[in-house]
N, C-alpha and C. Protein backbone atom coordinates (compact mmCIF):
# COMPACT_ATOMS: atom_id res chain seq x y z
N MET A 1 -20.04 -67.46 77.42
CA MET A 1 -20.89 -66.54 76.70
C MET A 1 -20.36 -66.34 75.28
N SER A 2 -21.23 -66.38 74.32
CA SER A 2 -20.87 -66.26 72.92
C SER A 2 -20.54 -64.81 72.56
N ILE A 3 -19.46 -64.65 71.80
CA ILE A 3 -19.13 -63.31 71.32
C ILE A 3 -19.60 -63.10 69.89
N CYS A 4 -19.90 -64.18 69.18
CA CYS A 4 -20.34 -64.11 67.79
C CYS A 4 -21.86 -64.17 67.74
N HIS A 5 -22.42 -63.60 66.68
CA HIS A 5 -23.87 -63.65 66.54
C HIS A 5 -24.27 -63.81 65.08
N LYS A 6 -25.46 -64.33 64.88
CA LYS A 6 -25.99 -64.59 63.55
C LYS A 6 -27.05 -63.54 63.22
N ASP A 7 -27.05 -63.09 61.98
CA ASP A 7 -28.11 -62.22 61.49
C ASP A 7 -29.40 -63.04 61.48
N LYS A 8 -30.46 -62.49 62.00
CA LYS A 8 -31.73 -63.23 62.12
C LYS A 8 -32.39 -63.52 60.78
N GLU A 9 -32.05 -62.77 59.74
CA GLU A 9 -32.71 -62.94 58.45
C GLU A 9 -31.85 -63.68 57.41
N THR A 10 -30.58 -63.88 57.71
CA THR A 10 -29.69 -64.57 56.77
C THR A 10 -28.91 -65.64 57.52
N ASP A 11 -28.03 -66.32 56.82
CA ASP A 11 -27.13 -67.29 57.44
C ASP A 11 -25.77 -66.68 57.75
N GLU A 12 -25.68 -65.35 57.75
CA GLU A 12 -24.40 -64.70 57.99
C GLU A 12 -24.13 -64.51 59.47
N TRP A 13 -22.89 -64.82 59.86
CA TRP A 13 -22.42 -64.66 61.23
C TRP A 13 -21.45 -63.50 61.31
N PHE A 14 -21.35 -62.92 62.50
CA PHE A 14 -20.49 -61.77 62.74
C PHE A 14 -19.70 -61.97 64.03
N PHE A 15 -18.53 -61.35 64.08
CA PHE A 15 -17.73 -61.34 65.30
C PHE A 15 -17.43 -59.88 65.64
N PRO A 16 -17.11 -59.58 66.89
CA PRO A 16 -16.92 -58.18 67.31
C PRO A 16 -15.74 -57.50 66.61
N LYS A 17 -15.89 -56.21 66.36
CA LYS A 17 -14.85 -55.43 65.68
C LYS A 17 -13.56 -55.34 66.47
N ASP A 18 -13.62 -55.55 67.77
CA ASP A 18 -12.40 -55.45 68.58
C ASP A 18 -11.72 -56.81 68.77
N ARG A 19 -12.16 -57.82 68.05
CA ARG A 19 -11.58 -59.16 68.14
C ARG A 19 -10.97 -59.54 66.79
N PHE A 20 -10.03 -60.48 66.82
CA PHE A 20 -9.35 -60.95 65.63
C PHE A 20 -9.46 -62.46 65.53
N ILE A 21 -9.58 -62.95 64.32
CA ILE A 21 -9.50 -64.38 64.06
C ILE A 21 -8.05 -64.64 63.68
N ILE A 22 -7.41 -65.58 64.38
CA ILE A 22 -6.00 -65.87 64.13
C ILE A 22 -5.83 -67.36 63.92
N SER A 23 -5.03 -67.69 62.91
CA SER A 23 -4.66 -69.09 62.70
C SER A 23 -3.27 -69.14 62.08
N GLU A 24 -2.66 -70.31 62.21
CA GLU A 24 -1.36 -70.54 61.59
C GLU A 24 -1.41 -71.91 60.94
N THR A 25 -0.73 -72.00 59.79
CA THR A 25 -0.63 -73.28 59.09
C THR A 25 0.82 -73.59 58.79
N ASP A 26 1.06 -74.86 58.49
CA ASP A 26 2.39 -75.22 58.01
C ASP A 26 2.46 -74.91 56.51
N GLU A 27 3.56 -75.27 55.88
CA GLU A 27 3.73 -74.91 54.47
C GLU A 27 2.76 -75.64 53.54
N ARG A 28 2.12 -76.71 54.02
CA ARG A 28 1.13 -77.43 53.22
C ARG A 28 -0.29 -76.93 53.44
N GLY A 29 -0.44 -75.92 54.31
CA GLY A 29 -1.77 -75.37 54.59
C GLY A 29 -2.52 -76.13 55.66
N ILE A 30 -1.81 -76.95 56.44
CA ILE A 30 -2.43 -77.69 57.53
C ILE A 30 -2.42 -76.81 58.79
N ILE A 31 -3.55 -76.70 59.44
CA ILE A 31 -3.70 -75.82 60.60
C ILE A 31 -2.87 -76.34 61.78
N THR A 32 -2.06 -75.43 62.34
CA THR A 32 -1.24 -75.76 63.51
C THR A 32 -1.64 -74.94 64.74
N TYR A 33 -2.38 -73.85 64.53
CA TYR A 33 -2.83 -73.01 65.64
C TYR A 33 -4.12 -72.31 65.25
N VAL A 34 -5.05 -72.19 66.19
CA VAL A 34 -6.26 -71.38 66.04
C VAL A 34 -6.55 -70.69 67.36
N ASN A 35 -7.13 -69.50 67.29
CA ASN A 35 -7.55 -68.85 68.53
C ASN A 35 -9.04 -69.12 68.79
N ASP A 36 -9.51 -68.69 69.93
CA ASP A 36 -10.88 -68.98 70.32
C ASP A 36 -11.91 -68.31 69.43
N VAL A 37 -11.60 -67.14 68.87
CA VAL A 37 -12.55 -66.46 67.99
C VAL A 37 -12.75 -67.28 66.72
N PHE A 38 -11.67 -67.82 66.17
CA PHE A 38 -11.77 -68.67 64.99
C PHE A 38 -12.67 -69.87 65.29
N CYS A 39 -12.43 -70.52 66.42
CA CYS A 39 -13.23 -71.69 66.78
C CYS A 39 -14.71 -71.33 66.88
N GLU A 40 -15.00 -70.23 67.53
CA GLU A 40 -16.40 -69.86 67.72
C GLU A 40 -17.08 -69.47 66.42
N ILE A 41 -16.45 -68.62 65.61
CA ILE A 41 -17.11 -68.16 64.38
C ILE A 41 -17.25 -69.30 63.37
N ALA A 42 -16.29 -70.24 63.34
CA ALA A 42 -16.35 -71.36 62.39
C ALA A 42 -17.15 -72.54 62.94
N ASP A 43 -17.44 -72.51 64.24
CA ASP A 43 -18.22 -73.56 64.91
C ASP A 43 -17.50 -74.91 64.96
N TYR A 44 -16.19 -74.85 65.23
CA TYR A 44 -15.37 -76.04 65.43
C TYR A 44 -14.61 -75.89 66.74
N THR A 45 -14.20 -76.99 67.32
CA THR A 45 -13.31 -76.92 68.47
C THR A 45 -11.88 -76.82 67.96
N GLU A 46 -10.98 -76.42 68.85
CA GLU A 46 -9.57 -76.36 68.50
C GLU A 46 -9.08 -77.74 68.06
N GLU A 47 -9.49 -78.77 68.76
CA GLU A 47 -9.06 -80.14 68.44
C GLU A 47 -9.55 -80.58 67.06
N GLU A 48 -10.71 -80.11 66.67
CA GLU A 48 -11.25 -80.46 65.34
C GLU A 48 -10.52 -79.73 64.22
N LEU A 49 -9.98 -78.55 64.50
CA LEU A 49 -9.31 -77.76 63.47
C LEU A 49 -7.84 -78.09 63.31
N ILE A 50 -7.13 -78.30 64.41
CA ILE A 50 -5.70 -78.59 64.34
C ILE A 50 -5.49 -79.88 63.55
N GLY A 51 -4.61 -79.80 62.56
CA GLY A 51 -4.33 -80.96 61.71
C GLY A 51 -5.16 -81.03 60.44
N GLN A 52 -6.14 -80.13 60.32
CA GLN A 52 -6.99 -80.10 59.13
C GLN A 52 -6.45 -79.08 58.12
N PRO A 53 -6.75 -79.26 56.83
CA PRO A 53 -6.38 -78.24 55.86
C PRO A 53 -7.18 -76.95 56.14
N HIS A 54 -6.54 -75.81 55.95
CA HIS A 54 -7.23 -74.54 56.24
C HIS A 54 -8.46 -74.37 55.36
N ASN A 55 -8.48 -75.01 54.22
CA ASN A 55 -9.65 -74.85 53.35
C ASN A 55 -10.89 -75.54 53.90
N ILE A 56 -10.83 -76.08 55.12
CA ILE A 56 -12.01 -76.62 55.78
C ILE A 56 -13.08 -75.52 55.91
N VAL A 57 -12.67 -74.25 55.92
CA VAL A 57 -13.62 -73.14 56.02
C VAL A 57 -13.82 -72.41 54.69
N ARG A 58 -13.34 -72.98 53.61
CA ARG A 58 -13.50 -72.32 52.30
C ARG A 58 -14.96 -72.40 51.86
N HIS A 59 -15.52 -71.26 51.58
CA HIS A 59 -16.91 -71.21 51.10
C HIS A 59 -16.93 -71.42 49.59
N PRO A 60 -17.92 -72.17 49.08
CA PRO A 60 -17.97 -72.42 47.63
C PRO A 60 -18.21 -71.16 46.80
N ASP A 61 -18.64 -70.07 47.41
CA ASP A 61 -18.82 -68.82 46.66
C ASP A 61 -17.49 -68.13 46.35
N MET A 62 -16.43 -68.55 47.00
CA MET A 62 -15.13 -67.92 46.77
C MET A 62 -14.52 -68.43 45.46
N PRO A 63 -14.14 -67.51 44.58
CA PRO A 63 -13.52 -67.93 43.32
C PRO A 63 -12.11 -68.50 43.54
N ARG A 64 -11.78 -69.51 42.77
CA ARG A 64 -10.43 -70.10 42.86
C ARG A 64 -9.35 -69.08 42.55
N ALA A 65 -9.67 -68.13 41.67
CA ALA A 65 -8.70 -67.10 41.28
C ALA A 65 -8.28 -66.24 42.48
N ALA A 66 -9.16 -66.05 43.42
CA ALA A 66 -8.80 -65.27 44.61
C ALA A 66 -7.70 -65.97 45.39
N PHE A 67 -7.79 -67.29 45.51
CA PHE A 67 -6.77 -68.04 46.24
C PHE A 67 -5.49 -68.19 45.42
N ALA A 68 -5.62 -68.22 44.09
CA ALA A 68 -4.43 -68.22 43.25
C ALA A 68 -3.66 -66.91 43.45
N ASP A 69 -4.39 -65.80 43.54
CA ASP A 69 -3.77 -64.50 43.79
C ASP A 69 -3.11 -64.49 45.16
N LEU A 70 -3.79 -65.05 46.16
CA LEU A 70 -3.23 -65.13 47.51
C LEU A 70 -1.87 -65.82 47.47
N TRP A 71 -1.79 -67.00 46.87
CA TRP A 71 -0.53 -67.75 46.85
C TRP A 71 0.54 -67.04 46.03
N GLU A 72 0.15 -66.42 44.93
CA GLU A 72 1.13 -65.68 44.12
C GLU A 72 1.73 -64.52 44.91
N LYS A 73 0.88 -63.76 45.60
CA LYS A 73 1.36 -62.61 46.38
C LYS A 73 2.20 -63.05 47.57
N ILE A 74 1.78 -64.10 48.25
CA ILE A 74 2.55 -64.57 49.41
C ILE A 74 3.94 -65.04 48.97
N GLN A 75 4.00 -65.77 47.86
CA GLN A 75 5.30 -66.25 47.38
C GLN A 75 6.17 -65.10 46.89
N GLY A 76 5.55 -64.09 46.28
CA GLY A 76 6.31 -62.97 45.74
C GLY A 76 6.76 -61.95 46.75
N ARG A 77 5.82 -61.47 47.56
CA ARG A 77 6.17 -60.39 48.49
C ARG A 77 6.05 -60.78 49.95
N GLY A 78 5.57 -61.99 50.22
CA GLY A 78 5.53 -62.47 51.59
C GLY A 78 4.24 -62.21 52.34
N PHE A 79 3.28 -61.53 51.71
CA PHE A 79 2.01 -61.29 52.38
C PHE A 79 0.91 -61.05 51.35
N TRP A 80 -0.32 -61.16 51.82
CA TRP A 80 -1.51 -60.91 50.99
C TRP A 80 -2.59 -60.34 51.88
N THR A 81 -3.40 -59.45 51.34
CA THR A 81 -4.59 -58.97 52.03
C THR A 81 -5.77 -59.06 51.08
N GLY A 82 -6.93 -59.34 51.64
CA GLY A 82 -8.13 -59.41 50.82
C GLY A 82 -9.35 -59.82 51.62
N TYR A 83 -10.48 -59.78 50.95
CA TYR A 83 -11.77 -60.12 51.56
C TYR A 83 -12.12 -61.55 51.23
N VAL A 84 -12.54 -62.30 52.25
CA VAL A 84 -12.83 -63.72 52.07
C VAL A 84 -14.16 -64.06 52.72
N LYS A 85 -14.95 -64.82 51.99
CA LYS A 85 -16.17 -65.38 52.55
C LYS A 85 -15.84 -66.80 52.99
N ASN A 86 -16.04 -67.08 54.27
CA ASN A 86 -15.74 -68.40 54.83
C ASN A 86 -17.02 -69.13 55.21
N LYS A 87 -16.90 -70.45 55.30
CA LYS A 87 -18.03 -71.31 55.63
C LYS A 87 -17.87 -71.87 57.03
N ARG A 88 -18.96 -71.83 57.78
CA ARG A 88 -19.00 -72.46 59.10
C ARG A 88 -19.32 -73.95 58.96
N ARG A 89 -19.14 -74.69 60.01
CA ARG A 89 -19.46 -76.11 60.01
C ARG A 89 -20.91 -76.36 59.60
N ASP A 90 -21.83 -75.50 60.05
CA ASP A 90 -23.26 -75.69 59.78
C ASP A 90 -23.70 -75.20 58.40
N GLY A 91 -22.74 -74.74 57.58
CA GLY A 91 -23.06 -74.27 56.24
C GLY A 91 -23.33 -72.78 56.15
N ALA A 92 -23.50 -72.11 57.29
CA ALA A 92 -23.66 -70.66 57.29
C ALA A 92 -22.31 -70.03 56.91
N TYR A 93 -22.23 -68.72 56.88
CA TYR A 93 -21.00 -68.07 56.42
C TYR A 93 -20.66 -66.84 57.24
N TYR A 94 -19.42 -66.38 57.05
CA TYR A 94 -18.96 -65.14 57.66
C TYR A 94 -17.89 -64.55 56.75
N TRP A 95 -17.84 -63.23 56.70
CA TRP A 95 -16.87 -62.50 55.89
C TRP A 95 -15.74 -62.00 56.79
N VAL A 96 -14.54 -61.93 56.21
CA VAL A 96 -13.38 -61.40 56.91
C VAL A 96 -12.54 -60.55 55.97
N PHE A 97 -11.78 -59.64 56.56
CA PHE A 97 -10.69 -58.98 55.85
C PHE A 97 -9.44 -59.65 56.37
N ALA A 98 -8.75 -60.36 55.49
CA ALA A 98 -7.63 -61.21 55.90
C ALA A 98 -6.29 -60.63 55.49
N THR A 99 -5.33 -60.82 56.37
CA THR A 99 -3.92 -60.58 56.07
C THR A 99 -3.20 -61.89 56.34
N VAL A 100 -2.52 -62.40 55.32
CA VAL A 100 -1.78 -63.64 55.44
C VAL A 100 -0.29 -63.33 55.25
N LEU A 101 0.52 -63.80 56.18
CA LEU A 101 1.96 -63.55 56.16
C LEU A 101 2.73 -64.85 56.09
N ARG A 102 3.75 -64.88 55.25
CA ARG A 102 4.66 -66.03 55.20
C ARG A 102 5.78 -65.80 56.21
N HIS A 103 6.10 -66.85 56.96
CA HIS A 103 7.18 -66.76 57.94
C HIS A 103 8.17 -67.89 57.66
N VAL A 104 9.45 -67.54 57.59
CA VAL A 104 10.49 -68.54 57.39
C VAL A 104 11.37 -68.55 58.63
N ASP A 105 11.40 -69.70 59.32
CA ASP A 105 12.25 -69.87 60.50
C ASP A 105 13.71 -69.94 60.07
N PRO A 106 14.64 -69.71 60.99
CA PRO A 106 16.06 -69.82 60.67
C PRO A 106 16.44 -71.18 60.08
N ASP A 107 15.71 -72.24 60.44
CA ASP A 107 16.02 -73.56 59.89
C ASP A 107 15.38 -73.79 58.52
N GLY A 108 14.68 -72.76 58.00
CA GLY A 108 14.06 -72.87 56.68
C GLY A 108 12.61 -73.33 56.69
N THR A 109 12.08 -73.68 57.85
CA THR A 109 10.69 -74.09 57.95
C THR A 109 9.77 -72.92 57.63
N ILE A 110 8.80 -73.16 56.75
CA ILE A 110 7.85 -72.12 56.33
C ILE A 110 6.52 -72.34 57.03
N SER A 111 5.94 -71.24 57.49
CA SER A 111 4.58 -71.29 58.04
C SER A 111 3.85 -70.03 57.57
N TYR A 112 2.53 -70.06 57.74
CA TYR A 112 1.70 -68.94 57.32
C TYR A 112 0.80 -68.52 58.47
N LEU A 113 0.82 -67.23 58.77
CA LEU A 113 0.00 -66.68 59.83
C LEU A 113 -1.11 -65.87 59.17
N SER A 114 -2.34 -66.12 59.60
CA SER A 114 -3.48 -65.40 59.06
C SER A 114 -4.18 -64.65 60.18
N LEU A 115 -4.34 -63.35 59.97
CA LEU A 115 -5.01 -62.47 60.91
C LEU A 115 -6.22 -61.89 60.18
N ARG A 116 -7.42 -62.13 60.74
CA ARG A 116 -8.63 -61.67 60.08
C ARG A 116 -9.40 -60.71 61.00
N THR A 117 -9.88 -59.63 60.38
CA THR A 117 -10.65 -58.62 61.09
C THR A 117 -12.04 -58.50 60.45
N VAL A 118 -12.91 -57.73 61.12
CA VAL A 118 -14.24 -57.47 60.58
C VAL A 118 -14.08 -56.60 59.33
N PRO A 119 -14.65 -57.01 58.21
CA PRO A 119 -14.51 -56.23 56.98
C PRO A 119 -15.49 -55.06 56.94
N GLU A 120 -15.18 -54.12 56.07
CA GLU A 120 -16.08 -53.00 55.83
C GLU A 120 -17.24 -53.51 54.98
N ARG A 121 -18.45 -53.24 55.42
CA ARG A 121 -19.65 -53.78 54.75
C ARG A 121 -19.75 -53.32 53.30
N HIS A 122 -19.44 -52.07 53.02
CA HIS A 122 -19.56 -51.59 51.64
C HIS A 122 -18.60 -52.33 50.71
N LYS A 123 -17.45 -52.77 51.21
CA LYS A 123 -16.51 -53.53 50.39
C LYS A 123 -17.07 -54.91 50.05
N ILE A 124 -17.72 -55.53 51.03
CA ILE A 124 -18.34 -56.84 50.78
C ILE A 124 -19.41 -56.69 49.70
N GLU A 125 -20.24 -55.67 49.83
CA GLU A 125 -21.32 -55.46 48.85
C GLU A 125 -20.75 -55.23 47.45
N GLU A 126 -19.60 -54.57 47.36
CA GLU A 126 -18.93 -54.37 46.07
C GLU A 126 -18.38 -55.68 45.52
N LEU A 127 -17.88 -56.54 46.41
CA LEU A 127 -17.23 -57.78 45.98
C LEU A 127 -18.18 -58.91 45.63
N ILE A 128 -19.35 -58.93 46.20
CA ILE A 128 -20.28 -60.04 45.94
C ILE A 128 -20.49 -60.24 44.44
N PRO A 129 -20.84 -59.20 43.66
CA PRO A 129 -21.02 -59.43 42.21
C PRO A 129 -19.71 -59.74 41.49
N VAL A 130 -18.60 -59.19 41.97
CA VAL A 130 -17.30 -59.46 41.36
C VAL A 130 -16.93 -60.93 41.54
N TYR A 131 -17.07 -61.43 42.76
CA TYR A 131 -16.77 -62.84 43.03
C TYR A 131 -17.72 -63.75 42.26
N LYS A 132 -18.98 -63.36 42.16
CA LYS A 132 -19.96 -64.16 41.41
C LYS A 132 -19.55 -64.25 39.93
N GLU A 133 -19.14 -63.14 39.38
CA GLU A 133 -18.68 -63.10 37.98
C GLU A 133 -17.44 -63.98 37.79
N MET A 134 -16.50 -63.88 38.72
CA MET A 134 -15.29 -64.69 38.65
C MET A 134 -15.63 -66.18 38.70
N ARG A 135 -16.55 -66.55 39.59
CA ARG A 135 -16.96 -67.96 39.71
C ARG A 135 -17.62 -68.46 38.43
N SER A 136 -18.37 -67.58 37.78
CA SER A 136 -19.08 -68.00 36.55
C SER A 136 -18.11 -68.32 35.43
N LYS A 137 -16.89 -67.82 35.51
CA LYS A 137 -15.87 -68.05 34.47
C LYS A 137 -14.97 -69.24 34.79
N GLU A 138 -15.18 -69.88 35.93
CA GLU A 138 -14.33 -71.01 36.32
C GLU A 138 -14.84 -72.31 35.72
């Protein structure tokens, strides 16, 4: 049974507020772990996602500057939070509030854990014109 649903009037997909999208990547951004919610909302199987760059779900509406900020914050303080519009396999989209954490193993291996929750709708509505403006300057 599907836990995610699509808005009947748009191409936007939603996942339940009590569920989390979880993924992990290596230091190059290659996916090493995904949970079932990620697979369902992105419309990929686990096997299709593992080994792929995480930007497989990057939506073209997302400004490059947002990801530059993500990497700057992760390198500086070890974590980043923000709102992200992601793309599904079928071209539809879904919004998330993401927290990305850098993890360094005792042997020095770096990985990144991303935990995404349902975002507040009013924040998305505020960000749509901001992201559009940022994209227009790229």
